[in-house]
N, C-alpha and C. Protein backbone atom coordinates (compact mmCIF):
# COMPACT_ATOMS: atom_id res chain seq x y z
N MET A 1 -12.48 -5.30 -23.90
CA MET A 1 -12.76 -4.12 -23.11
C MET A 1 -14.18 -4.16 -22.56
N TYR A 2 -15.17 -4.48 -23.41
CA TYR A 2 -16.55 -4.48 -22.93
C TYR A 2 -16.81 -5.59 -21.92
N LYS A 3 -16.07 -6.69 -22.05
CA LYS A 3 -16.19 -7.76 -21.05
C LYS A 3 -15.73 -7.23 -19.70
N ASN A 4 -14.60 -6.55 -19.67
CA ASN A 4 -14.09 -5.99 -18.42
C ASN A 4 -15.03 -4.94 -17.86
N LEU A 5 -15.60 -4.10 -18.72
CA LEU A 5 -16.54 -3.08 -18.26
C LEU A 5 -17.81 -3.71 -17.72
N THR A 6 -18.26 -4.78 -18.35
CA THR A 6 -19.46 -5.48 -17.88
C THR A 6 -19.21 -6.08 -16.51
N ILE A 7 -18.07 -6.73 -16.34
CA ILE A 7 -17.73 -7.31 -15.04
C ILE A 7 -17.63 -6.23 -13.98
N ALA A 8 -17.01 -5.10 -14.33
CA ALA A 8 -16.89 -3.99 -13.39
C ALA A 8 -18.27 -3.48 -12.98
N ALA A 9 -19.18 -3.36 -13.94
CA ALA A 9 -20.53 -2.90 -13.63
C ALA A 9 -21.26 -3.88 -12.71
N VAL A 10 -21.11 -5.17 -12.98
CA VAL A 10 -21.74 -6.19 -12.12
C VAL A 10 -21.16 -6.12 -10.71
N LEU A 11 -19.84 -5.98 -10.61
CA LEU A 11 -19.21 -5.85 -9.30
C LEU A 11 -19.69 -4.58 -8.59
N GLY A 12 -19.97 -3.54 -9.34
CA GLY A 12 -20.53 -2.31 -8.76
C GLY A 12 -21.93 -2.53 -8.22
N VAL A 13 -22.76 -3.23 -8.98
CA VAL A 13 -24.12 -3.56 -8.53
C VAL A 13 -24.06 -4.37 -7.24
N ILE A 14 -23.18 -5.35 -7.20
CA ILE A 14 -23.04 -6.19 -6.02
C ILE A 14 -22.59 -5.36 -4.82
N ALA A 15 -21.68 -4.41 -5.05
CA ALA A 15 -21.21 -3.55 -3.95
C ALA A 15 -22.36 -2.71 -3.39
N VAL A 16 -23.21 -2.18 -4.26
CA VAL A 16 -24.35 -1.38 -3.79
C VAL A 16 -25.30 -2.26 -2.97
N ILE A 17 -25.60 -3.44 -3.50
CA ILE A 17 -26.52 -4.34 -2.80
C ILE A 17 -25.96 -4.75 -1.44
N LEU A 18 -24.68 -5.17 -1.42
CA LEU A 18 -24.08 -5.61 -0.16
C LEU A 18 -23.89 -4.45 0.81
N GLY A 19 -23.60 -3.26 0.30
CA GLY A 19 -23.48 -2.09 1.16
C GLY A 19 -24.80 -1.77 1.84
N ALA A 20 -25.88 -1.80 1.08
CA ALA A 20 -27.21 -1.54 1.65
C ALA A 20 -27.60 -2.65 2.62
N PHE A 21 -27.32 -3.88 2.23
CA PHE A 21 -27.64 -5.02 3.09
C PHE A 21 -26.89 -4.92 4.41
N GLY A 22 -25.62 -4.57 4.33
CA GLY A 22 -24.81 -4.42 5.54
C GLY A 22 -25.31 -3.31 6.43
N ALA A 23 -25.68 -2.19 5.81
CA ALA A 23 -26.13 -1.02 6.59
C ALA A 23 -27.48 -1.25 7.26
N HIS A 24 -28.31 -2.09 6.67
CA HIS A 24 -29.66 -2.28 7.20
C HIS A 24 -29.86 -3.63 7.88
N ALA A 25 -29.65 -4.71 7.14
CA ALA A 25 -29.95 -6.04 7.66
C ALA A 25 -28.91 -6.55 8.65
N LEU A 26 -27.66 -6.17 8.46
CA LEU A 26 -26.62 -6.71 9.34
C LEU A 26 -26.35 -5.84 10.56
N LYS A 27 -26.92 -4.66 10.57
CA LYS A 27 -26.66 -3.70 11.64
C LYS A 27 -26.93 -4.28 13.03
N THR A 28 -27.97 -5.08 13.14
CA THR A 28 -28.32 -5.67 14.44
C THR A 28 -27.76 -7.08 14.62
N LYS A 29 -27.20 -7.65 13.57
CA LYS A 29 -26.73 -9.03 13.64
C LYS A 29 -25.22 -9.15 13.87
N LEU A 30 -24.47 -8.10 13.53
CA LEU A 30 -23.02 -8.14 13.67
C LEU A 30 -22.56 -7.19 14.76
N THR A 31 -21.42 -7.50 15.33
CA THR A 31 -20.81 -6.58 16.29
C THR A 31 -20.36 -5.33 15.52
N PRO A 32 -20.15 -4.23 16.20
CA PRO A 32 -19.65 -3.04 15.50
C PRO A 32 -18.34 -3.30 14.75
N GLU A 33 -17.45 -4.10 15.34
CA GLU A 33 -16.18 -4.42 14.68
C GLU A 33 -16.40 -5.26 13.42
N ALA A 34 -17.30 -6.23 13.51
CA ALA A 34 -17.59 -7.08 12.36
C ALA A 34 -18.26 -6.26 11.25
N LEU A 35 -19.17 -5.37 11.63
CA LEU A 35 -19.84 -4.53 10.65
C LEU A 35 -18.83 -3.59 9.96
N GLU A 36 -17.87 -3.10 10.71
CA GLU A 36 -16.82 -2.25 10.13
C GLU A 36 -15.98 -3.05 9.13
N SER A 37 -15.66 -4.30 9.45
CA SER A 37 -14.92 -5.15 8.50
C SER A 37 -15.73 -5.37 7.23
N PHE A 38 -17.02 -5.62 7.40
CA PHE A 38 -17.90 -5.83 6.25
C PHE A 38 -17.93 -4.57 5.38
N GLN A 39 -18.07 -3.41 6.01
CA GLN A 39 -18.10 -2.15 5.28
C GLN A 39 -16.75 -1.85 4.60
N THR A 40 -15.66 -2.30 5.21
CA THR A 40 -14.35 -2.15 4.57
C THR A 40 -14.32 -2.94 3.26
N ALA A 41 -14.88 -4.15 3.28
CA ALA A 41 -14.93 -4.97 2.06
C ALA A 41 -15.75 -4.25 0.98
N VAL A 42 -16.87 -3.68 1.37
CA VAL A 42 -17.71 -2.95 0.41
C VAL A 42 -16.95 -1.74 -0.14
N ARG A 43 -16.31 -0.99 0.74
CA ARG A 43 -15.57 0.21 0.35
C ARG A 43 -14.43 -0.14 -0.63
N TYR A 44 -13.67 -1.17 -0.31
CA TYR A 44 -12.58 -1.58 -1.21
C TYR A 44 -13.14 -2.04 -2.55
N GLN A 45 -14.25 -2.74 -2.53
CA GLN A 45 -14.86 -3.19 -3.78
C GLN A 45 -15.26 -1.99 -4.62
N PHE A 46 -15.93 -1.02 -4.01
CA PHE A 46 -16.34 0.18 -4.75
C PHE A 46 -15.15 0.91 -5.35
N LEU A 47 -14.13 1.15 -4.55
CA LEU A 47 -12.96 1.88 -5.05
C LEU A 47 -12.31 1.18 -6.23
N HIS A 48 -12.22 -0.13 -6.15
CA HIS A 48 -11.55 -0.87 -7.22
C HIS A 48 -12.45 -1.05 -8.44
N VAL A 49 -13.76 -1.02 -8.25
CA VAL A 49 -14.67 -1.00 -9.41
C VAL A 49 -14.47 0.31 -10.18
N LEU A 50 -14.37 1.41 -9.46
CA LEU A 50 -14.13 2.70 -10.14
C LEU A 50 -12.80 2.67 -10.89
N LEU A 51 -11.79 2.08 -10.27
CA LEU A 51 -10.50 1.96 -10.94
C LEU A 51 -10.62 1.09 -12.19
N LEU A 52 -11.36 -0.01 -12.10
CA LEU A 52 -11.57 -0.87 -13.27
C LEU A 52 -12.24 -0.10 -14.41
N LEU A 53 -13.24 0.69 -14.07
CA LEU A 53 -13.92 1.49 -15.10
C LEU A 53 -12.94 2.45 -15.76
N PHE A 54 -12.13 3.13 -14.94
CA PHE A 54 -11.14 4.05 -15.48
C PHE A 54 -10.15 3.33 -16.39
N VAL A 55 -9.58 2.25 -15.91
CA VAL A 55 -8.57 1.52 -16.67
C VAL A 55 -9.12 1.10 -18.03
N ASN A 56 -10.34 0.58 -18.04
CA ASN A 56 -10.89 0.04 -19.28
C ASN A 56 -11.47 1.09 -20.20
N MET A 57 -11.59 2.31 -19.73
CA MET A 57 -12.05 3.40 -20.59
C MET A 57 -10.91 4.32 -21.02
N PHE A 58 -9.74 4.12 -20.44
CA PHE A 58 -8.59 4.96 -20.76
C PHE A 58 -8.06 4.56 -22.13
N SER A 59 -8.19 5.44 -23.09
CA SER A 59 -7.90 5.10 -24.48
C SER A 59 -6.41 4.88 -24.78
N GLU A 60 -5.54 5.34 -23.91
CA GLU A 60 -4.11 5.19 -24.19
C GLU A 60 -3.53 3.85 -23.72
N PHE A 61 -4.33 3.06 -23.04
CA PHE A 61 -3.87 1.73 -22.66
C PHE A 61 -4.19 0.75 -23.79
N THR A 62 -3.28 -0.18 -24.02
CA THR A 62 -3.55 -1.24 -24.99
C THR A 62 -4.52 -2.23 -24.37
N SER A 63 -5.10 -3.07 -25.20
CA SER A 63 -5.99 -4.12 -24.69
C SER A 63 -5.25 -5.03 -23.72
N LYS A 64 -3.99 -5.31 -24.04
CA LYS A 64 -3.18 -6.17 -23.17
C LYS A 64 -2.99 -5.52 -21.80
N GLU A 65 -2.70 -4.22 -21.76
CA GLU A 65 -2.55 -3.52 -20.48
C GLU A 65 -3.87 -3.54 -19.70
N LYS A 66 -4.96 -3.22 -20.39
CA LYS A 66 -6.27 -3.21 -19.74
C LYS A 66 -6.59 -4.58 -19.14
N ASN A 67 -6.37 -5.62 -19.92
CA ASN A 67 -6.70 -6.97 -19.45
C ASN A 67 -5.80 -7.40 -18.30
N ARG A 68 -4.52 -7.10 -18.37
CA ARG A 68 -3.59 -7.50 -17.31
C ARG A 68 -3.95 -6.81 -15.99
N ILE A 69 -4.13 -5.50 -16.05
CA ILE A 69 -4.48 -4.76 -14.83
C ILE A 69 -5.83 -5.23 -14.31
N SER A 70 -6.79 -5.39 -15.20
CA SER A 70 -8.14 -5.81 -14.81
C SER A 70 -8.15 -7.19 -14.15
N TYR A 71 -7.35 -8.11 -14.68
CA TYR A 71 -7.29 -9.45 -14.11
C TYR A 71 -6.88 -9.38 -12.64
N PHE A 72 -5.83 -8.63 -12.35
CA PHE A 72 -5.37 -8.53 -10.97
C PHE A 72 -6.39 -7.83 -10.08
N LEU A 73 -6.99 -6.77 -10.58
CA LEU A 73 -7.98 -6.05 -9.77
C LEU A 73 -9.23 -6.88 -9.52
N MET A 74 -9.74 -7.53 -10.55
CA MET A 74 -10.95 -8.35 -10.38
C MET A 74 -10.71 -9.52 -9.44
N THR A 75 -9.59 -10.19 -9.63
CA THR A 75 -9.27 -11.32 -8.76
C THR A 75 -9.03 -10.83 -7.34
N GLY A 76 -8.39 -9.68 -7.21
CA GLY A 76 -8.16 -9.09 -5.89
C GLY A 76 -9.47 -8.74 -5.20
N ILE A 77 -10.41 -8.16 -5.92
CA ILE A 77 -11.73 -7.84 -5.35
C ILE A 77 -12.40 -9.11 -4.86
N LEU A 78 -12.42 -10.11 -5.73
CA LEU A 78 -13.10 -11.37 -5.36
C LEU A 78 -12.47 -12.01 -4.13
N MET A 79 -11.15 -11.98 -4.06
CA MET A 79 -10.49 -12.63 -2.94
C MET A 79 -10.55 -11.77 -1.67
N PHE A 80 -10.26 -10.48 -1.78
CA PHE A 80 -10.24 -9.62 -0.61
C PHE A 80 -11.66 -9.41 -0.07
N SER A 81 -12.50 -8.77 -0.87
CA SER A 81 -13.85 -8.48 -0.40
C SER A 81 -14.66 -9.76 -0.27
N GLY A 82 -14.52 -10.64 -1.24
CA GLY A 82 -15.29 -11.89 -1.22
C GLY A 82 -15.05 -12.72 0.01
N SER A 83 -13.81 -12.81 0.45
CA SER A 83 -13.53 -13.61 1.65
C SER A 83 -14.16 -12.99 2.90
N ILE A 84 -14.17 -11.67 2.95
CA ILE A 84 -14.81 -11.01 4.10
C ILE A 84 -16.31 -11.23 4.06
N TYR A 85 -16.91 -11.15 2.87
CA TYR A 85 -18.35 -11.43 2.75
C TYR A 85 -18.67 -12.85 3.20
N LEU A 86 -17.83 -13.81 2.79
CA LEU A 86 -18.07 -15.20 3.19
C LEU A 86 -18.03 -15.38 4.70
N ILE A 87 -17.08 -14.71 5.32
CA ILE A 87 -16.94 -14.81 6.78
C ILE A 87 -18.21 -14.32 7.48
N TYR A 88 -18.73 -13.19 7.05
CA TYR A 88 -19.85 -12.58 7.77
C TYR A 88 -21.23 -12.98 7.25
N LEU A 89 -21.34 -13.35 5.98
CA LEU A 89 -22.66 -13.72 5.45
C LEU A 89 -22.94 -15.22 5.59
N LEU A 90 -21.90 -16.03 5.45
CA LEU A 90 -22.09 -17.48 5.51
C LEU A 90 -21.51 -18.10 6.77
N ASN A 91 -21.02 -17.24 7.66
CA ASN A 91 -20.43 -17.69 8.92
C ASN A 91 -19.30 -18.71 8.72
N ILE A 92 -18.52 -18.52 7.68
CA ILE A 92 -17.35 -19.37 7.47
C ILE A 92 -16.26 -18.88 8.43
N PRO A 93 -15.72 -19.76 9.24
CA PRO A 93 -14.70 -19.31 10.20
C PRO A 93 -13.49 -18.69 9.49
N ALA A 94 -13.07 -17.54 9.99
CA ALA A 94 -11.94 -16.83 9.39
C ALA A 94 -10.68 -17.69 9.38
N LYS A 95 -10.52 -18.56 10.38
CA LYS A 95 -9.31 -19.37 10.44
C LYS A 95 -9.21 -20.36 9.28
N ILE A 96 -10.34 -20.66 8.63
CA ILE A 96 -10.32 -21.58 7.49
C ILE A 96 -9.83 -20.88 6.22
N ILE A 97 -10.20 -19.60 6.06
CA ILE A 97 -9.82 -18.89 4.83
C ILE A 97 -8.97 -17.66 5.14
N TRP A 98 -8.22 -17.72 6.22
CA TRP A 98 -7.44 -16.56 6.68
C TRP A 98 -6.49 -16.02 5.63
N PHE A 99 -5.97 -16.88 4.77
CA PHE A 99 -4.95 -16.49 3.79
C PHE A 99 -5.55 -15.80 2.56
N VAL A 100 -6.84 -15.94 2.34
CA VAL A 100 -7.46 -15.42 1.12
C VAL A 100 -7.51 -13.89 1.12
N THR A 101 -7.88 -13.30 2.24
CA THR A 101 -8.02 -11.85 2.32
C THR A 101 -6.69 -11.13 2.03
N PRO A 102 -5.60 -11.49 2.73
CA PRO A 102 -4.34 -10.79 2.42
C PRO A 102 -3.83 -11.08 1.00
N LEU A 103 -4.08 -12.28 0.49
CA LEU A 103 -3.68 -12.58 -0.88
C LEU A 103 -4.45 -11.68 -1.85
N GLY A 104 -5.73 -11.49 -1.59
CA GLY A 104 -6.52 -10.55 -2.40
C GLY A 104 -5.95 -9.14 -2.33
N GLY A 105 -5.54 -8.74 -1.14
CA GLY A 105 -4.92 -7.42 -0.99
C GLY A 105 -3.64 -7.29 -1.79
N VAL A 106 -2.85 -8.35 -1.82
CA VAL A 106 -1.62 -8.34 -2.61
C VAL A 106 -1.95 -8.20 -4.10
N LEU A 107 -2.99 -8.88 -4.55
CA LEU A 107 -3.38 -8.77 -5.96
C LEU A 107 -3.84 -7.36 -6.30
N LEU A 108 -4.54 -6.71 -5.37
CA LEU A 108 -4.94 -5.32 -5.59
C LEU A 108 -3.72 -4.42 -5.68
N ILE A 109 -2.74 -4.66 -4.83
CA ILE A 109 -1.49 -3.89 -4.87
C ILE A 109 -0.78 -4.09 -6.20
N ILE A 110 -0.74 -5.33 -6.67
CA ILE A 110 -0.11 -5.61 -7.97
C ILE A 110 -0.85 -4.87 -9.08
N GLY A 111 -2.18 -4.87 -9.01
CA GLY A 111 -2.97 -4.13 -10.01
C GLY A 111 -2.61 -2.65 -10.04
N TRP A 112 -2.51 -2.04 -8.86
CA TRP A 112 -2.09 -0.64 -8.79
C TRP A 112 -0.66 -0.47 -9.31
N GLY A 113 0.21 -1.41 -8.98
CA GLY A 113 1.59 -1.35 -9.46
C GLY A 113 1.67 -1.42 -10.97
N LEU A 114 0.87 -2.30 -11.57
CA LEU A 114 0.83 -2.40 -13.03
C LEU A 114 0.30 -1.12 -13.65
N LEU A 115 -0.66 -0.51 -12.99
CA LEU A 115 -1.19 0.77 -13.46
C LEU A 115 -0.08 1.82 -13.46
N ALA A 116 0.63 1.90 -12.35
CA ALA A 116 1.74 2.86 -12.25
C ALA A 116 2.80 2.58 -13.31
N TYR A 117 3.12 1.32 -13.51
CA TYR A 117 4.13 0.94 -14.50
C TYR A 117 3.67 1.33 -15.92
N SER A 118 2.39 1.12 -16.21
CA SER A 118 1.88 1.49 -17.54
C SER A 118 1.97 2.99 -17.77
N PHE A 119 1.64 3.76 -16.74
CA PHE A 119 1.76 5.21 -16.87
C PHE A 119 3.23 5.63 -16.99
N PHE A 120 4.09 4.99 -16.24
CA PHE A 120 5.53 5.30 -16.28
C PHE A 120 6.08 5.05 -17.67
N LYS A 121 5.73 3.92 -18.27
CA LYS A 121 6.19 3.59 -19.64
C LYS A 121 5.75 4.67 -20.62
N LYS A 122 4.53 5.13 -20.46
CA LYS A 122 4.02 6.16 -21.37
C LYS A 122 4.71 7.50 -21.12
N ALA A 123 5.05 7.77 -19.86
CA ALA A 123 5.72 9.04 -19.52
C ALA A 123 7.12 9.11 -20.11
N ILE A 124 7.85 7.99 -20.09
CA ILE A 124 9.22 8.05 -20.61
C ILE A 124 9.25 8.05 -22.14
N LYS A 125 8.15 7.66 -22.77
CA LYS A 125 8.06 7.72 -24.23
C LYS A 125 7.84 9.15 -24.70
N ASN A 126 7.24 9.95 -23.84
CA ASN A 126 6.91 11.33 -24.24
C ASN A 126 7.94 12.29 -23.81
């Protein structure tokens, strides 16, 4: 649990840094559309960091549930947001890593699905 919380906190720090960097340093370097894509990556990272914190602090989830959901969310953040950061910060052509962003999105969806399934299992027990 603490490993997952630590990773979530680090991902949160990175989101704050990249959000500020995007708002200030990239404002004049990227087109408005590119800056919006970058900010989308930051926004998705923040939202999923909050979800990671919730999942790992929710006392009714087992360690196995916490780890399974966290794995998908963390990997999804890295792939979805990370691929967008690579495109705009390192100028990696999108056509080279085009498949990474949607795959990351799918992993985020799976993470949410596992969360819903875990709650559903608990609901039918009660």
